Amino acid sequence: MPGALTVNTTAAYEGAALAGLGIIQVPCAGMLAHLQAGRLVEILPEWRAAPMPVSLLYPNRRHLPRRVQVFMQWLPELMAPRLQA
């Protein structure tokens, strides 16, 4: 759908939506606080985009540092509440 505004950063996209400049399509995780506070309103929930996968890239599992292992376990816990929209 063509639009009158083109941006190249997520902050500009978010700002445009908050300024009332139109409809945006973004992952709910990034806008959850705005949705909960009522600054943004979800429309067309039946037309949500398919979820996008998240991948962690690391060189090798053989000698994976403990901090990387902990991060890999922590990330799903961190993201779970943000994916409940």
PDB file of N, CA and C in Angstrom:
ATOM      1  N   MET A   1       0.846  -1.165   0.000  1.00  0.00           N
ATOM      2  CA  MET A   1       0.000   0.000   0.000  1.00  0.00           C
ATOM      3  C   MET A   1       0.893   1.231   0.000  1.00  0.00           C
ATOM      4  N   PRO A   2       0.808   2.067  -0.967  1.00  0.00           N
ATOM      5  CA  PRO A   2       1.651   3.257  -1.005  1.00  0.00           C
ATOM      6  C   PRO A   2       1.291   4.237   0.113  1.00  0.00           C
ATOM      7  N   GLY A   3       2.296   4.978   0.538  1.00  0.00           N
ATOM      8  CA  GLY A   3       2.068   5.943   1.596  1.00  0.00           C
ATOM      9  C   GLY A   3       2.742   7.266   1.289  1.00  0.00           C
ATOM     10  N   ALA A   4       2.405   8.273   2.048  1.00  0.00           N
ATOM     11  CA  ALA A   4       2.973   9.600   1.841  1.00  0.00           C
ATOM     12  C   ALA A   4       4.250   9.811   2.647  1.00  0.00           C
ATOM     13  N   LEU A   5       4.565   8.870   3.533  1.00  0.00           N
ATOM     14  CA  LEU A   5       5.731   9.014   4.397  1.00  0.00           C
ATOM     15  C   LEU A   5       6.600   7.783   4.271  1.00  0.00           C
ATOM     16  N   THR A   6       7.890   8.004   4.093  1.00  0.00           N
ATOM     17  CA  THR A   6       8.851   6.908   4.043  1.00  0.00           C
ATOM     18  C   THR A   6       9.886   7.151   5.124  1.00  0.00           C
ATOM     19  N   VAL A   7      10.175   6.125   5.926  1.00  0.00           N
ATOM     20  CA  VAL A   7      11.160   6.246   7.002  1.00  0.00           C
ATOM     21  C   VAL A   7      12.175   5.127   6.865  1.00  0.00           C
ATOM     22  N   ASN A   8      13.315   5.280   7.541  1.00  0.00           N
ATOM     23  CA  ASN A   8      14.334   4.232   7.470  1.00  0.00           C
ATOM     24  C   ASN A   8      14.824   3.795   8.854  1.00  0.00           C
ATOM     25  N   THR A   9      14.093   4.160   9.890  1.00  0.00           N
ATOM     26  CA  THR A   9      14.421   3.679  11.236  1.00  0.00           C
ATOM     27  C   THR A   9      13.133   3.298  11.944  1.00  0.00           C
ATOM     28  N   THR A  10      13.246   2.353  12.864  1.00  0.00           N
ATOM     29  CA  THR A  10      12.062   1.953  13.623  1.00  0.00           C
ATOM     30  C   THR A  10      11.578   3.080  14.529  1.00  0.00           C
ATOM     31  N   ALA A  11      12.499   3.902  15.018  1.00  0.00           N
ATOM     32  CA  ALA A  11      12.103   5.024  15.876  1.00  0.00           C
ATOM     33  C   ALA A  11      11.247   6.022  15.098  1.00  0.00           C
ATOM     34  N   ALA A  12      11.608   6.282  13.855  1.00  0.00           N
ATOM     35  CA  ALA A  12      10.820   7.196  13.023  1.00  0.00           C
ATOM     36  C   ALA A  12       9.453   6.596  12.703  1.00  0.00           C
ATOM     37  N   TYR A  13       9.412   5.293  12.464  1.00  0.00           N
ATOM     38  CA  TYR A  13       8.158   4.588  12.191  1.00  0.00           C
ATOM     39  C   TYR A  13       7.230   4.667  13.401  1.00  0.00           C
ATOM     40  N   GLU A  14       7.796   4.408  14.565  1.00  0.00           N
ATOM     41  CA  GLU A  14       7.045   4.477  15.815  1.00  0.00           C
ATOM     42  C   GLU A  14       6.557   5.902  16.061  1.00  0.00           C
ATOM     43  N   GLY A  15       7.437   6.873  15.863  1.00  0.00           N
ATOM     44  CA  GLY A  15       7.069   8.275  16.061  1.00  0.00           C
ATOM     45  C   GLY A  15       5.960   8.726  15.137  1.00  0.00           C
ATOM     46  N   ALA A  16       6.010   8.261  13.896  1.00  0.00           N
ATOM     47  CA  ALA A  16       4.960   8.613  12.941  1.00  0.00           C
ATOM     48  C   ALA A  16       3.606   8.074  13.398  1.00  0.00           C
ATOM     49  N   ALA A  17       3.598   6.847  13.887  1.00  0.00           N
ATOM     50  CA  ALA A  17       2.344   6.268  14.377  1.00  0.00           C
ATOM     51  C   ALA A  17       1.826   7.036  15.589  1.00  0.00           C
ATOM     52  N   LEU A  18       2.727   7.361  16.512  1.00  0.00           N
ATOM     53  CA  LEU A  18       2.325   8.100  17.712  1.00  0.00           C
ATOM     54  C   LEU A  18       1.833   9.504  17.384  1.00  0.00           C
ATOM     55  N   ALA A  19       2.337  10.070  16.275  1.00  0.00           N
ATOM     56  CA  ALA A  19       1.904  11.402  15.852  1.00  0.00           C
ATOM     57  C   ALA A  19       0.593  11.354  15.072  1.00  0.00           C
ATOM     58  N   GLY A  20       0.080  10.132  14.842  1.00  0.00           N
ATOM     59  CA  GLY A  20      -1.190  10.006  14.143  1.00  0.00           C
ATOM     60  C   GLY A  20      -1.082  10.132  12.637  1.00  0.00           C
ATOM     61  N   LEU A  21       0.093   9.814  12.088  1.00  0.00           N
ATOM     62  CA  LEU A  21       0.294   9.989  10.654  1.00  0.00           C
ATOM     63  C   LEU A  21      -0.161   8.806   9.802  1.00  0.00           C
ATOM     64  N   GLY A  22      -0.740   7.795  10.423  1.00  0.00           N
ATOM     65  CA  GLY A  22      -1.265   6.697   9.622  1.00  0.00           C
ATOM     66  C   GLY A  22      -1.175   5.360  10.315  1.00  0.00           C
ATOM     67  N   ILE A  23      -1.391   4.330   9.521  1.00  0.00           N
ATOM     68  CA  ILE A  23      -1.407   2.949   9.996  1.00  0.00           C
ATOM     69  C   ILE A  23      -0.026   2.341   9.779  1.00  0.00           C
ATOM     70  N   ILE A  24       0.449   1.574  10.763  1.00  0.00           N
ATOM     71  CA  ILE A  24       1.726   0.871  10.608  1.00  0.00           C
ATOM     72  C   ILE A  24       1.511  -0.616  10.887  1.00  0.00           C
ATOM     73  N   GLN A  25       2.414  -1.425  10.357  1.00  0.00           N
ATOM     74  CA  GLN A  25       2.400  -2.856  10.647  1.00  0.00           C
ATOM     75  C   GLN A  25       3.754  -3.207  11.227  1.00  0.00           C
ATOM     76  N   VAL A  26       3.755  -3.534  12.508  1.00  0.00           N
ATOM     77  CA  VAL A  26       4.992  -3.841  13.226  1.00  0.00           C
ATOM     78  C   VAL A  26       4.747  -5.017  14.168  1.00  0.00           C
ATOM     79  N   PRO A  27       5.816  -5.680  14.635  1.00  0.00           N
ATOM     80  CA  PRO A  27       5.636  -6.715  15.646  1.00  0.00           C
ATOM     81  C   PRO A  27       5.066  -6.113  16.931  1.00  0.00           C
ATOM     82  N   CYS A  28       4.112  -6.803  17.522  1.00  0.00           N
ATOM     83  CA  CYS A  28       3.463  -6.310  18.754  1.00  0.00           C
ATOM     84  C   CYS A  28       4.459  -6.117  19.893  1.00  0.00           C
ATOM     85  N   ALA A  29       5.504  -6.941  19.923  1.00  0.00           N
ATOM     86  CA  ALA A  29       6.466  -6.865  21.029  1.00  0.00           C
ATOM     87  C   ALA A  29       7.047  -5.468  21.176  1.00  0.00           C
ATOM     88  N   GLY A  30       7.300  -4.801  20.088  1.00  0.00           N
ATOM     89  CA  GLY A  30       7.887  -3.467  20.145  1.00  0.00           C
ATOM     90  C   GLY A  30       6.903  -2.369  20.502  1.00  0.00           C
ATOM     91  N   MET A  31       5.625  -2.623  20.349  1.00  0.00           N
ATOM     92  CA  MET A  31       4.607  -1.602  20.587  1.00  0.00           C
ATOM     93  C   MET A  31       3.728  -1.909  21.786  1.00  0.00           C
ATOM     94  N   LEU A  32       4.035  -2.978  22.503  1.00  0.00           N
ATOM     95  CA  LEU A  32       3.184  -3.430  23.600  1.00  0.00           C
ATOM     96  C   LEU A  32       2.936  -2.346  24.645  1.00  0.00           C
ATOM     97  N   ALA A  33       3.957  -1.623  25.031  1.00  0.00           N
ATOM     98  CA  ALA A  33       3.781  -0.556  26.034  1.00  0.00           C
ATOM     99  C   ALA A  33       2.832   0.524  25.521  1.00  0.00           C
ATOM    100  N   HIS A  34       2.952   0.887  24.255  1.00  0.00           N
ATOM    101  CA  HIS A  34       2.058   1.903  23.669  1.00  0.00           C
ATOM    102  C   HIS A  34       0.627   1.382  23.586  1.00  0.00           C
ATOM    103  N   LEU A  35       0.460   0.112  23.245  1.00  0.00           N
ATOM    104  CA  LEU A  35      -0.876  -0.479  23.178  1.00  0.00           C
ATOM    105  C   LEU A  35      -1.516  -0.524  24.557  1.00  0.00           C
ATOM    106  N   GLN A  36      -0.746  -0.957  25.558  1.00  0.00           N
ATOM    107  CA  GLN A  36      -1.276  -1.056  26.920  1.00  0.00           C
ATOM    108  C   GLN A  36      -1.619   0.308  27.510  1.00  0.00           C
ATOM    109  N   ALA A  37      -0.838   1.329  27.144  1.00  0.00           N
ATOM    110  CA  ALA A  37      -1.087   2.679  27.660  1.00  0.00           C
ATOM    111  C   ALA A  37      -2.181   3.405  26.882  1.00  0.00           C
ATOM    112  N   GLY A  38      -2.620   2.820  25.777  1.00  0.00           N
ATOM    113  CA  GLY A  38      -3.662   3.452  24.981  1.00  0.00           C
ATOM    114  C   GLY A  38      -3.164   4.500  24.010  1.00  0.00           C
ATOM    115  N   ARG A  39      -1.859   4.627  23.873  1.00  0.00           N
ATOM    116  CA  ARG A  39      -1.308   5.588  22.915  1.00  0.00           C
ATOM    117  C   ARG A  39      -1.496   5.114  21.482  1.00  0.00           C
ATOM    118  N   LEU A  40      -1.532   3.800  21.287  1.00  0.00           N
ATOM    119  CA  LEU A  40      -1.822   3.203  19.988  1.00  0.00           C
ATOM    120  C   LEU A  40      -2.966   2.219  20.153  1.00  0.00           C
ATOM    121  N   VAL A  41      -3.695   1.988  19.085  1.00  0.00           N
ATOM    122  CA  VAL A  41      -4.823   1.061  19.088  1.00  0.00           C
ATOM    123  C   VAL A  41      -4.627   0.080  17.945  1.00  0.00           C
ATOM    124  N   GLU A  42      -4.779  -1.200  18.247  1.00  0.00           N
ATOM    125  CA  GLU A  42      -4.670  -2.203  17.197  1.00  0.00           C
ATOM    126  C   GLU A  42      -5.953  -2.213  16.365  1.00  0.00           C
ATOM    127  N   ILE A  43      -5.755  -2.207  15.057  1.00  0.00           N
ATOM    128  CA  ILE A  43      -6.881  -2.350  14.141  1.00  0.00           C
ATOM    129  C   ILE A  43      -6.607  -3.567  13.257  1.00  0.00           C
ATOM    130  N   LEU A  44      -7.628  -4.132  12.724  1.00  0.00           N
ATOM    131  CA  LEU A  44      -7.515  -5.297  11.835  1.00  0.00           C
ATOM    132  C   LEU A  44      -6.717  -6.452  12.445  1.00  0.00           C
ATOM    133  N   PRO A  45      -7.040  -6.876  13.663  1.00  0.00           N
ATOM    134  CA  PRO A  45      -6.264  -7.963  14.286  1.00  0.00           C
ATOM    135  C   PRO A  45      -6.342  -9.273  13.500  1.00  0.00           C
ATOM    136  N   GLU A  46      -7.393  -9.434  12.698  1.00  0.00           N
ATOM    137  CA  GLU A  46      -7.508 -10.653  11.907  1.00  0.00           C
ATOM    138  C   GLU A  46      -6.541 -10.674  10.720  1.00  0.00           C
ATOM    139  N   TRP A  47      -5.847  -9.586  10.471  1.00  0.00           N
ATOM    140  CA  TRP A  47      -4.898  -9.490   9.354  1.00  0.00           C
ATOM    141  C   TRP A  47      -3.456  -9.353   9.835  1.00  0.00           C
ATOM    142  N   ARG A  48      -3.123  -9.974  10.949  1.00  0.00           N
ATOM    143  CA  ARG A  48      -1.756  -9.923  11.471  1.00  0.00           C
ATOM    144  C   ARG A  48      -0.804 -10.653  10.534  1.00  0.00           C
ATOM    145  N   ALA A  49       0.391 -10.127  10.434  1.00  0.00           N
ATOM    146  CA  ALA A  49       1.431 -10.789   9.650  1.00  0.00           C
ATOM    147  C   ALA A  49       1.899 -12.049  10.372  1.00  0.00           C
ATOM    148  N   ALA A  50       2.431 -12.976   9.622  1.00  0.00           N
ATOM    149  CA  ALA A  50       2.963 -14.207  10.221  1.00  0.00           C
ATOM    150  C   ALA A  50       4.142 -13.855  11.136  1.00  0.00           C
ATOM    151  N   PRO A  51       4.313 -14.581  12.246  1.00  0.00           N
ATOM    152  CA  PRO A  51       5.442 -14.308  13.141  1.00  0.00           C
ATOM    153  C   PRO A  51       6.779 -14.475  12.425  1.00  0.00           C
ATOM    154  N   MET A  52       7.723 -13.652  12.828  1.00  0.00           N
ATOM    155  CA  MET A  52       9.066 -13.741  12.260  1.00  0.00           C
ATOM    156  C   MET A  52       9.963 -14.502  13.230  1.00  0.00           C
ATOM    157  N   PRO A  53      10.774 -15.409  12.711  1.00  0.00           N
ATOM    158  CA  PRO A  53      11.668 -16.155  13.606  1.00  0.00           C
ATOM    159  C   PRO A  53      12.809 -15.275  14.120  1.00  0.00           C
ATOM    160  N   VAL A  54      13.317 -15.642  15.272  1.00  0.00           N
ATOM    161  CA  VAL A  54      14.490 -14.985  15.848  1.00  0.00           C
ATOM    162  C   VAL A  54      15.585 -16.033  15.927  1.00  0.00           C
ATOM    163  N   SER A  55      16.762 -15.685  15.461  1.00  0.00           N
ATOM    164  CA  SER A  55      17.875 -16.633  15.469  1.00  0.00           C
ATOM    165  C   SER A  55      19.054 -16.048  16.234  1.00  0.00           C
ATOM    166  N   LEU A  56      19.740 -16.897  16.949  1.00  0.00           N
ATOM    167  CA  LEU A  56      20.986 -16.519  17.602  1.00  0.00           C
ATOM    168  C   LEU A  56      22.116 -17.186  16.826  1.00  0.00           C
ATOM    169  N   LEU A  57      23.086 -16.421  16.429  1.00  0.00           N
ATOM    170  CA  LEU A  57      24.220 -16.963  15.692  1.00  0.00           C
ATOM    171  C   LEU A  57      25.456 -16.954  16.574  1.00  0.00           C
ATOM    172  N   TYR A  58      26.140 -18.057  16.592  1.00  0.00           N
ATOM    173  CA  TYR A  58      27.372 -18.177  17.370  1.00  0.00           C
ATOM    174  C   TYR A  58      28.278 -19.143  16.624  1.00  0.00           C
ATOM    175  N   PRO A  59      29.603 -19.055  16.829  1.00  0.00           N
ATOM    176  CA  PRO A  59      30.539 -19.808  15.994  1.00  0.00           C
ATOM    177  C   PRO A  59      30.494 -21.320  16.172  1.00  0.00           C
ATOM    178  N   ASN A  60      30.314 -21.822  17.387  1.00  0.00           N
ATOM    179  CA  ASN A  60      30.407 -23.261  17.593  1.00  0.00           C
ATOM    180  C   ASN A  60      29.877 -23.607  18.977  1.00  0.00           C
ATOM    181  N   ARG A  61      29.230 -24.736  19.107  1.00  0.00           N
ATOM    182  CA  ARG A  61      28.731 -25.169  20.418  1.00  0.00           C
ATOM    183  C   ARG A  61      29.799 -25.871  21.240  1.00  0.00           C
ATOM    184  N   ARG A  62      30.860 -26.267  20.627  1.00  0.00           N
ATOM    185  CA  ARG A  62      31.859 -27.086  21.321  1.00  0.00           C
ATOM    186  C   ARG A  62      32.418 -26.419  22.573  1.00  0.00           C
ATOM    187  N   HIS A  63      32.838 -25.181  22.452  1.00  0.00           N
ATOM    188  CA  HIS A  63      33.383 -24.445  23.602  1.00  0.00           C
ATOM    189  C   HIS A  63      32.595 -23.154  23.803  1.00  0.00           C
ATOM    190  N   LEU A  64      31.292 -23.302  23.870  1.00  0.00           N
ATOM    191  CA  LEU A  64      30.406 -22.161  24.022  1.00  0.00           C
ATOM    192  C   LEU A  64      30.576 -21.560  25.415  1.00  0.00           C
ATOM    193  N   PRO A  65      30.928 -20.279  25.503  1.00  0.00           N
ATOM    194  CA  PRO A  65      31.094 -19.663  26.817  1.00  0.00           C
ATOM    195  C   PRO A  65      29.807 -19.757  27.641  1.00  0.00           C
ATOM    196  N   ARG A  66      29.955 -19.886  28.927  1.00  0.00           N
ATOM    197  CA  ARG A  66      28.819 -20.007  29.834  1.00  0.00           C
ATOM    198  C   ARG A  66      27.880 -18.813  29.703  1.00  0.00           C
ATOM    199  N   ARG A  67      28.430 -17.623  29.533  1.00  0.00           N
ATOM    200  CA  ARG A  67      27.574 -16.439  29.423  1.00  0.00           C
ATOM    201  C   ARG A  67      26.693 -16.510  28.182  1.00  0.00           C
ATOM    202  N   VAL A  68      27.177 -17.120  27.106  1.00  0.00           N
ATOM    203  CA  VAL A  68      26.362 -17.283  25.905  1.00  0.00           C
ATOM    204  C   VAL A  68      25.251 -18.297  26.178  1.00  0.00           C
ATOM    205  N   GLN A  69      25.576 -19.371  26.861  1.00  0.00           N
ATOM    206  CA  GLN A  69      24.570 -20.374  27.216  1.00  0.00           C
ATOM    207  C   GLN A  69      23.473 -19.758  28.093  1.00  0.00           C
ATOM    208  N   VAL A  70      23.872 -18.953  29.069  1.00  0.00           N
ATOM    209  CA  VAL A  70      22.907 -18.300  29.953  1.00  0.00           C
ATOM    210  C   VAL A  70      22.035 -17.337  29.159  1.00  0.00           C
ATOM    211  N   PHE A  71      22.640 -16.589  28.251  1.00  0.00           N
ATOM    212  CA  PHE A  71      21.883 -15.654  27.416  1.00  0.00           C
ATOM    213  C   PHE A  71      20.864 -16.401  26.557  1.00  0.00           C
ATOM    214  N   MET A  72      21.280 -17.526  25.989  1.00  0.00           N
ATOM    215  CA  MET A  72      20.383 -18.319  25.151  1.00  0.00           C
ATOM    216  C   MET A  72      19.184 -18.835  25.945  1.00  0.00           C
ATOM    217  N   GLN A  73      19.369 -19.126  27.214  1.00  0.00           N
ATOM    218  CA  GLN A  73      18.273 -19.588  28.062  1.00  0.00           C
ATOM    219  C   GLN A  73      17.400 -18.420  28.534  1.00  0.00           C
ATOM    220  N   TRP A  74      18.018 -17.267  28.728  1.00  0.00           N
ATOM    221  CA  TRP A  74      17.324 -16.098  29.256  1.00  0.00           C
ATOM    222  C   TRP A  74      16.450 -15.410  28.201  1.00  0.00           C
ATOM    223  N   LEU A  75      16.886 -15.398  26.958  1.00  0.00           N
ATOM    224  CA  LEU A  75      16.177 -14.663  25.908  1.00  0.00           C
ATOM    225  C   LEU A  75      14.720 -15.100  25.745  1.00  0.00           C
ATOM    226  N   PRO A  76      14.409 -16.386  25.664  1.00  0.00           N
ATOM    227  CA  PRO A  76      12.986 -16.766  25.555  1.00  0.00           C
ATOM    228  C   PRO A  76      12.158 -16.319  26.764  1.00  0.00           C
ATOM    229  N   GLU A  77      12.748 -16.370  27.958  1.00  0.00           N
ATOM    230  CA  GLU A  77      12.045 -15.907  29.158  1.00  0.00           C
ATOM    231  C   GLU A  77      11.764 -14.404  29.076  1.00  0.00           C
ATOM    232  N   LEU A  78      12.730 -13.666  28.554  1.00  0.00           N
ATOM    233  CA  LEU A  78      12.571 -12.219  28.412  1.00  0.00           C
ATOM    234  C   LEU A  78      11.493 -11.869  27.389  1.00  0.00           C
ATOM    235  N   MET A  79      11.473 -12.599  26.291  1.00  0.00           N
ATOM    236  CA  MET A  79      10.550 -12.270  25.208  1.00  0.00           C
ATOM    237  C   MET A  79       9.125 -12.782  25.446  1.00  0.00           C
ATOM    238  N   ALA A  80       8.949 -13.818  26.250  1.00  0.00           N
ATOM    239  CA  ALA A  80       7.622 -14.425  26.426  1.00  0.00           C
ATOM    240  C   ALA A  80       6.522 -13.424  26.775  1.00  0.00           C
ATOM    241  N   PRO A  81       6.717 -12.538  27.759  1.00  0.00           N
ATOM    242  CA  PRO A  81       5.631 -11.589  28.075  1.00  0.00           C
ATOM    243  C   PRO A  81       5.342 -10.614  26.930  1.00  0.00           C
ATOM    244  N   ARG A  82       6.334 -10.341  26.106  1.00  0.00           N
ATOM    245  CA  ARG A  82       6.151  -9.390  25.006  1.00  0.00           C
ATOM    246  C   ARG A  82       5.433 -10.035  23.811  1.00  0.00           C
ATOM    247  N   LEU A  83       5.326 -11.339  23.817  1.00  0.00           N
ATOM    248  CA  LEU A  83       4.706 -12.047  22.697  1.00  0.00           C
ATOM    249  C   LEU A  83       3.269 -12.453  23.005  1.00  0.00           C
ATOM    250  N   GLN A  84       2.728 -11.992  24.112  1.00  0.00           N
ATOM    251  CA  GLN A  84       1.403 -12.394  24.537  1.00  0.00           C
ATOM    252  C   GLN A  84       0.301 -11.481  24.007  1.00  0.00           C
ATOM    253  N   ALA A  85       0.595 -10.649  23.050  1.00  0.00           N
ATOM    254  CA  ALA A  85      -0.410  -9.680  22.566  1.00  0.00           C
ATOM    255  C   ALA A  85      -1.486 -10.308  21.735  1.00  0.00           C
TER     256      ALA A  85
END
